[in-house]
């Protein structure tokens, strides 16, 4: 298994809609344990991009 497959992102809509949507994201490791959480306001694709950036930073720090 590679490091890319070890972390996964899960998004949940907490409230609002459209540009005022409140998203909660979690990054899980391979065993399902939550590694990092956060939130973002805006469309789903922007919330996912925020979580993806956090995931990439975690992967970089663990590979060093």
Protein backbone atom coordinates (compact mmCIF):
# COMPACT_ATOMS: atom_id res chain seq x y z
CA UNK A 1 0.00 0.00 0.00
CA UNK A 2 1.32 3.42 -0.89
CA UNK A 3 1.05 6.52 1.25
CA UNK A 4 -1.48 8.05 -1.19
CA UNK A 5 -3.98 5.31 -0.37
CA UNK A 6 -3.41 5.49 3.38
CA UNK A 7 -5.33 8.75 3.94
CA UNK A 8 -8.90 9.46 2.86
CA UNK A 9 -11.09 12.57 2.97
CA UNK A 10 -14.71 12.65 4.15
CA UNK A 11 -16.93 15.73 3.75
CA UNK A 12 -20.19 16.49 5.54
CA UNK A 13 -22.57 19.39 4.99
CA UNK A 14 -23.28 21.03 8.36
CA UNK A 15 -25.63 23.78 7.19
CA UNK A 16 -26.44 26.44 4.66
CA UNK A 17 -26.49 26.16 0.91
CA UNK A 18 -24.67 27.52 -2.11
CA UNK A 19 -21.94 30.04 -1.30
CA UNK A 20 -22.91 29.99 2.40
CA UNK A 21 -22.67 26.22 2.86
CA UNK A 22 -20.75 25.12 5.94
CA UNK A 23 -18.71 21.96 5.32
CA UNK A 24 -16.93 19.82 7.92
CA UNK A 25 -14.08 17.65 6.62
CA UNK A 26 -12.11 14.82 8.20
CA UNK A 27 -8.95 13.05 7.10
CA UNK A 28 -8.88 9.37 8.07
CA UNK A 29 -5.94 6.97 8.05
CA UNK A 30 -6.13 3.40 6.71
CA UNK A 31 -7.53 2.06 9.99
CA UNK A 32 -10.34 4.66 10.02
CA UNK A 33 -8.90 6.82 12.80
CA UNK A 34 -9.38 10.57 12.38
CA UNK A 35 -6.03 12.25 11.77
CA UNK A 36 -7.16 15.85 11.17
CA UNK A 37 -10.44 17.78 11.01
CA UNK A 38 -11.48 21.17 9.78
CA UNK A 39 -14.24 23.22 8.24
CA UNK A 40 -14.77 25.39 5.21
CA UNK A 41 -17.47 27.74 3.96
CA UNK A 42 -18.49 27.78 0.32
CA UNK A 43 -19.19 25.32 -2.49
CA UNK A 44 -18.33 21.64 -2.06
CA UNK A 45 -15.41 21.71 -4.49
CA UNK A 46 -13.69 24.46 -2.50
CA UNK A 47 -14.18 22.58 0.78
CA UNK A 48 -12.72 19.45 -0.79
CA UNK A 49 -9.74 21.44 -2.10
CA UNK A 50 -9.08 22.74 1.41
CA UNK A 51 -9.13 19.20 2.80
CA UNK A 52 -6.94 17.93 -0.06
CA UNK A 53 -4.28 20.55 0.72
CA UNK A 54 -4.28 19.51 4.39
CA UNK A 55 -3.99 15.85 3.33
CA UNK A 56 -1.04 16.62 1.05
CA UNK A 57 0.73 18.48 3.87
CA UNK A 58 0.23 15.49 6.18
CA UNK A 59 1.63 13.15 3.53
CA UNK A 60 4.68 15.37 3.01
CA UNK A 61 5.41 15.64 6.71
CA UNK A 62 5.13 11.88 7.22
CA UNK A 63 7.43 11.10 4.27
CA UNK A 64 10.29 13.16 5.70
